[in-house]
Amino acid sequence: MMKNRLSFILAVILALSFTACTAPIPEADPDLRITIPKIGKADSIVITGSSECVVIDTGESDDYYEIESNLQKLGIESIDHLILTHFDKDHIGSAPMIMENFVVDEVLMPDYTGNNQEYDLLMEFLEKDTVAYRYITKTESFSSCGCDFVIYPPYLDTYADSNDNNHSLITAVKAGSNSYLFAGDAEEERLTEIMAENIGEFDFLKMPHHGNYNKKLEAFIASVDPGYAVITCSDKNPPDKKTLALLKASGVKVYQTKDGDITILNYKDKIGIIQ
């Protein structure tokens, strides 16, 4: 496991505004910042660096004002890449409002057809031709935010179980010597696919499917071997106890959005996490 990482846990974030920070922050400014807000059992991840911004998922429609506030606090007016991992309502719900109120250069999506109202509203907006969008059908790499991204698409057109979740795009980010993996809502079939890719180990993992347990999860955790993990969840919809036990047994430090907003700071060869 990649143990040589530094985790900063600041219990009272507001204190940063009024007192000198005594934690051993390596540098004044991180070269990459990842923000994961507390919006319940839903995903919205903001990655910023080098005056660029990538957003992965947009929560539910009711989460828009929280997401908007987060983007405004970060000084973001435009989004270079909006990655929508799949078409569940808790991942695409606020996408039309974000595209309406922020400049979005490009939307990246898996190539399948959703079956809910949120998907219909998303496609209605995209078909106005105001925002460029395309489907990811093969592994794709690009650079943004001063780091390297790789997006892994699903293999199949249709999955026997959990069709939406198993269509999740999985995104890997390499920043300096640190690596991050964002696993959408991938379930058993999709986890089997990504393990077959032999994508290596990662310092940080955004856990798949809000910490729900499945039979492939233990092999997946062993395969990517993270030092830190974030679970997007709520008090009403907490992660499975078997998942938490597995992560603990694997020596993974776990953060849950039900306990508050999470900020990950990348410092070349170190990672700082604030909650």
Protein backbone atom coordinates (compact mmCIF):
# COMPACT_ATOMS: atom_id res chain seq x y z
CA MET A 1 0.00 0.00 0.00
CA MET A 2 1.15 3.51 -0.72
CA LYS A 3 1.79 4.52 2.86
CA ASN A 4 4.07 7.49 2.27
CA ARG A 5 1.26 10.02 2.23
CA LEU A 6 0.36 12.83 4.62
CA SER A 7 -3.27 13.26 5.76
CA PHE A 8 -4.30 16.53 7.34
CA ILE A 9 -7.50 16.40 9.40
CA LEU A 10 -8.66 19.79 10.64
CA ALA A 11 -11.62 19.40 12.95
CA VAL A 12 -12.85 22.99 12.73
CA ILE A 13 -12.47 24.30 9.21
CA LEU A 14 -13.64 27.81 10.07
CA ALA A 15 -10.66 28.22 12.33
CA LEU A 16 -8.52 28.45 9.23
CA SER A 17 -10.07 31.82 8.52
CA PHE A 18 -9.08 33.31 11.86
CA THR A 19 -5.95 31.62 13.13
CA ALA A 20 -2.60 30.68 11.73
CA CYS A 21 -2.53 27.09 10.54
CA THR A 22 -0.25 24.97 12.70
CA ALA A 23 -0.53 21.81 10.59
CA PRO A 24 2.64 21.11 8.60
CA ILE A 25 1.26 22.22 5.22
CA PRO A 26 4.14 21.65 2.78
CA GLU A 27 3.41 24.66 0.57
CA ALA A 28 1.20 27.77 0.63
CA ASP A 29 -0.90 26.56 -2.31
CA PRO A 30 -1.59 23.00 -3.48
CA ASP A 31 -1.00 22.22 -7.14
CA LEU A 32 -4.38 20.44 -7.31
CA ARG A 33 -7.56 20.74 -5.25
CA ILE A 34 -10.43 18.25 -5.19
CA THR A 35 -13.67 19.26 -3.48
CA ILE A 36 -16.45 16.81 -2.60
CA PRO A 37 -19.39 18.57 -0.92
CA LYS A 38 -21.87 17.16 1.55
CA ILE A 39 -24.96 16.64 -0.62
CA GLY A 40 -26.27 13.35 0.73
CA LYS A 41 -26.15 10.11 -1.22
CA ALA A 42 -25.12 11.84 -4.45
CA ASP A 43 -21.91 12.67 -6.32
CA SER A 44 -20.43 15.99 -7.38
CA ILE A 45 -16.65 16.26 -7.49
CA VAL A 46 -14.80 19.45 -8.44
CA ILE A 47 -11.15 19.22 -9.52
CA THR A 48 -9.21 22.47 -9.97
CA GLY A 49 -5.65 23.36 -10.83
CA SER A 50 -3.64 25.49 -13.27
CA SER A 51 -6.69 27.77 -13.77
CA GLU A 52 -8.69 24.83 -15.14
CA CYS A 53 -11.65 22.88 -13.80
CA VAL A 54 -13.04 19.38 -14.27
CA VAL A 55 -16.34 18.37 -12.66
CA ILE A 56 -17.37 14.76 -12.21
CA ASP A 57 -21.16 14.42 -11.78
CA THR A 58 -23.69 16.97 -10.60
CA GLY A 59 -25.78 15.44 -7.81
CA GLU A 60 -29.57 15.65 -7.79
CA SER A 61 -31.55 18.65 -9.05
CA ASP A 62 -32.19 19.72 -5.43
CA ASP A 63 -28.43 19.89 -4.87
CA TYR A 64 -27.85 22.64 -7.43
CA TYR A 65 -27.58 25.62 -5.08
CA GLU A 66 -25.11 23.79 -2.84
CA ILE A 67 -23.02 22.87 -5.89
CA GLU A 68 -23.29 26.40 -7.26
CA SER A 69 -22.14 27.84 -3.93
CA ASN A 70 -19.17 25.47 -3.89
CA LEU A 71 -18.15 26.48 -7.42
CA GLN A 72 -18.50 30.17 -6.59
CA LYS A 73 -16.38 29.82 -3.43
CA LEU A 74 -13.67 28.30 -5.60
CA GLY A 75 -13.92 31.23 -8.02
CA ILE A 76 -15.03 29.01 -10.88
CA GLU A 77 -16.87 30.58 -13.80
CA SER A 78 -16.13 27.96 -16.45
CA ILE A 79 -15.75 24.18 -16.55
CA ASP A 80 -13.34 22.65 -19.05
CA HIS A 81 -14.73 19.11 -18.85
CA LEU A 82 -17.98 17.95 -17.26
CA ILE A 83 -17.84 14.17 -16.84
CA LEU A 84 -21.20 12.50 -16.23
CA THR A 85 -20.40 8.99 -15.09
CA HIS A 86 -23.87 7.57 -15.77
CA PHE A 87 -27.48 8.70 -15.91
CA ASP A 88 -28.86 8.07 -12.42
CA LYS A 89 -30.64 11.13 -11.02
CA ASP A 90 -28.13 11.55 -8.17
CA HIS A 91 -25.31 12.01 -10.70
CA ILE A 92 -26.89 14.16 -13.45
CA GLY A 93 -29.74 15.99 -11.71
CA SER A 94 -28.14 19.46 -11.63
CA ALA A 95 -26.35 19.19 -14.99
CA PRO A 96 -28.81 21.35 -16.99
CA MET A 97 -28.69 24.15 -14.39
CA ILE A 98 -24.89 24.03 -14.23
CA MET A 99 -24.70 24.29 -18.02
CA GLU A 100 -27.20 27.14 -17.94
CA ASN A 101 -25.26 29.17 -15.37
CA PHE A 102 -21.60 28.28 -16.03
CA VAL A 103 -19.57 28.10 -19.21
CA VAL A 104 -19.06 24.40 -19.94
CA ASP A 105 -16.65 23.59 -22.75
CA GLU A 106 -17.47 19.91 -23.09
CA VAL A 107 -19.65 17.18 -21.60
CA LEU A 108 -18.36 13.58 -21.59
CA MET A 109 -20.83 10.71 -21.08
CA PRO A 110 -21.16 6.93 -21.42
CA ASP A 111 -22.84 5.69 -24.60
CA TYR A 112 -26.20 4.33 -23.54
CA THR A 113 -29.78 5.58 -23.14
CA GLY A 114 -31.08 6.57 -19.72
CA ASN A 115 -34.63 5.92 -18.58
CA ASN A 116 -35.58 8.71 -16.19
CA GLN A 117 -36.82 12.29 -16.27
CA GLU A 118 -33.39 13.66 -15.39
CA TYR A 119 -31.92 12.00 -18.47
CA ASP A 120 -34.68 13.43 -20.67
CA LEU A 121 -34.05 16.95 -19.32
CA LEU A 122 -30.29 16.53 -19.81
CA MET A 123 -30.64 15.47 -23.44
CA GLU A 124 -33.21 18.18 -24.12
CA PHE A 125 -30.68 20.76 -22.97
CA LEU A 126 -27.75 19.22 -24.85
CA GLU A 127 -29.71 18.97 -28.08
CA LYS A 128 -30.08 22.74 -28.12
CA ASP A 129 -26.46 22.71 -29.42
CA THR A 130 -25.30 25.26 -26.86
CA VAL A 131 -22.82 22.87 -25.21
CA ALA A 132 -20.55 20.36 -26.95
CA TYR A 133 -21.01 16.78 -25.81
CA ARG A 134 -19.78 13.37 -26.81
CA TYR A 135 -19.88 9.76 -25.73
CA ILE A 136 -16.82 7.95 -24.41
CA THR A 137 -16.67 4.59 -26.19
CA LYS A 138 -12.98 3.75 -25.77
CA THR A 139 -10.34 4.55 -23.18
CA GLU A 140 -9.47 8.22 -23.51
CA SER A 141 -6.66 10.36 -22.07
CA PHE A 142 -6.37 14.12 -21.75
CA SER A 143 -4.51 16.70 -19.68
CA SER A 144 -6.25 19.33 -17.56
CA CYS A 145 -5.76 21.05 -14.20
CA GLY A 146 -2.03 20.40 -14.50
CA CYS A 147 -2.48 16.63 -14.34
CA ASP A 148 -3.33 13.63 -16.54
CA PHE A 149 -6.79 12.09 -16.82
CA VAL A 150 -7.77 8.67 -18.17
CA ILE A 151 -11.44 7.75 -18.64
CA TYR A 152 -12.36 4.07 -18.85
CA PRO A 153 -15.75 3.35 -20.50
CA PRO A 154 -17.96 0.31 -19.90
CA TYR A 155 -17.42 -2.72 -22.14
CA LEU A 156 -21.02 -3.73 -22.82
CA ASP A 157 -24.08 -2.15 -24.40
CA THR A 158 -26.37 -3.71 -21.78
CA TYR A 159 -25.77 -5.24 -18.36
CA ALA A 160 -27.93 -7.96 -16.81
CA ASP A 161 -27.90 -6.27 -13.41
CA SER A 162 -27.84 -2.59 -12.46
CA ASN A 163 -27.60 -1.38 -16.05
CA ASP A 164 -27.18 2.30 -15.16
CA ASN A 165 -24.57 1.76 -12.45
CA ASN A 166 -22.53 -0.68 -14.51
CA HIS A 167 -22.36 1.84 -17.36
CA SER A 168 -20.31 4.12 -15.08
CA LEU A 169 -17.32 5.87 -16.56
CA ILE A 170 -14.33 5.36 -14.26
CA THR A 171 -11.80 8.18 -14.16
CA ALA A 172 -8.15 8.00 -13.11
CA VAL A 173 -6.12 11.14 -12.36
CA LYS A 174 -2.34 11.35 -12.05
CA ALA A 175 -1.01 14.46 -10.29
CA GLY A 176 2.72 14.46 -9.64
CA SER A 177 3.49 11.22 -7.82
CA ASN A 178 -0.08 10.96 -6.49
CA SER A 179 -2.93 9.07 -8.13
CA TYR A 180 -6.70 9.27 -7.74
CA LEU A 181 -9.52 6.99 -8.90
CA PHE A 182 -13.19 7.96 -9.19
CA ALA A 183 -15.34 4.86 -9.59
CA GLY A 184 -18.83 6.24 -10.21
CA ASP A 185 -21.48 3.72 -9.15
CA ALA A 186 -19.68 0.68 -10.57
CA GLU A 187 -21.07 -2.64 -9.36
CA GLU A 188 -19.90 -6.24 -9.76
CA GLU A 189 -19.77 -6.50 -13.56
CA ARG A 190 -18.14 -3.11 -14.00
CA LEU A 191 -15.60 -3.72 -11.23
CA THR A 192 -14.67 -6.99 -12.93
CA GLU A 193 -14.05 -5.07 -16.15
CA ILE A 194 -11.86 -2.40 -14.57
CA MET A 195 -9.80 -4.98 -12.69
CA ALA A 196 -9.15 -6.69 -16.04
CA GLU A 197 -7.63 -3.42 -17.25
CA ASN A 198 -4.81 -3.77 -14.67
CA ILE A 199 -4.86 -0.02 -14.08
CA GLY A 200 -2.56 -0.24 -11.06
CA GLU A 201 -2.69 1.12 -7.53
CA PHE A 202 -4.02 4.48 -6.37
CA ASP A 203 -3.41 6.71 -3.38
CA PHE A 204 -7.05 7.85 -3.26
CA LEU A 205 -10.35 6.18 -4.18
CA LYS A 206 -13.81 7.67 -4.50
CA MET A 207 -15.67 4.55 -3.51
CA PRO A 208 -18.09 3.03 -6.01
CA HIS A 209 -21.84 3.25 -5.43
CA HIS A 210 -21.85 5.17 -2.15
CA GLY A 211 -20.17 2.39 -0.22
CA ASN A 212 -22.68 -0.34 -1.06
CA TYR A 213 -21.11 -3.77 -0.64
CA ASN A 214 -20.88 -6.36 -3.41
CA LYS A 215 -19.03 -9.62 -3.92
CA LYS A 216 -16.30 -8.06 -6.11
CA LEU A 217 -15.51 -5.19 -3.76
CA GLU A 218 -12.84 -6.99 -1.74
CA ALA A 219 -10.90 -7.97 -4.88
CA PHE A 220 -11.30 -4.46 -6.25
CA ILE A 221 -9.95 -2.81 -3.08
CA ALA A 222 -7.01 -5.23 -3.09
CA SER A 223 -6.37 -4.42 -6.75
CA VAL A 224 -6.27 -0.62 -6.47
CA ASP A 225 -4.89 -0.63 -2.89
CA PRO A 226 -5.79 2.92 -1.81
CA GLY A 227 -4.45 4.73 1.20
CA TYR A 228 -7.51 7.00 1.45
CA ALA A 229 -11.14 6.61 0.40
CA VAL A 230 -14.17 8.90 0.29
CA ILE A 231 -17.74 7.61 0.46
CA THR A 232 -20.55 9.90 -0.72
CA CYS A 233 -23.38 9.09 1.67
CA SER A 234 -25.81 10.46 4.25
CA ASP A 235 -27.07 9.60 7.71
CA LYS A 236 -30.26 8.34 6.05
CA ASN A 237 -28.30 6.33 3.48
CA PRO A 238 -25.03 5.27 5.15
CA PRO A 239 -22.47 2.90 3.61
CA ASP A 240 -22.81 -0.81 4.26
CA LYS A 241 -21.11 -2.00 7.45
CA LYS A 242 -19.38 -4.76 5.48
CA THR A 243 -17.81 -2.11 3.25
CA LEU A 244 -16.51 -0.13 6.22
CA ALA A 245 -15.15 -3.31 7.82
CA LEU A 246 -13.40 -4.24 4.58
CA LEU A 247 -11.78 -0.82 4.25
CA LYS A 248 -10.64 -0.89 7.88
CA ALA A 249 -9.15 -4.37 7.46
CA SER A 250 -7.37 -3.13 4.33
CA GLY A 251 -5.80 -0.24 6.23
CA VAL A 252 -7.66 2.45 4.28
CA LYS A 253 -8.38 5.81 5.93
CA VAL A 254 -12.06 6.55 5.22
CA TYR A 255 -13.89 9.87 4.96
CA GLN A 256 -17.67 10.12 4.55
CA THR A 257 -19.49 13.14 3.14
CA LYS A 258 -22.27 12.67 5.71
CA ASP A 259 -19.75 14.17 8.16
CA GLY A 260 -19.19 17.31 6.08
CA ASP A 261 -17.54 18.70 2.95
CA ILE A 262 -14.22 17.11 2.00
CA THR A 263 -11.27 18.87 0.38
CA ILE A 264 -8.28 16.95 -0.94
CA LEU A 265 -5.09 18.96 -1.48
CA ASN A 266 -2.35 17.61 -3.74
CA TYR A 267 1.23 18.65 -2.92
CA LYS A 268 3.51 16.92 -5.45
CA ASP A 269 4.30 13.81 -3.41
CA LYS A 270 1.88 14.39 -0.51
CA ILE A 271 -1.89 14.48 -0.05
CA GLY A 272 -3.73 16.65 2.49
CA ILE A 273 -7.37 15.98 3.38
CA ILE A 274 -9.55 18.50 5.22
CA GLN A 275 -12.97 17.74 6.67
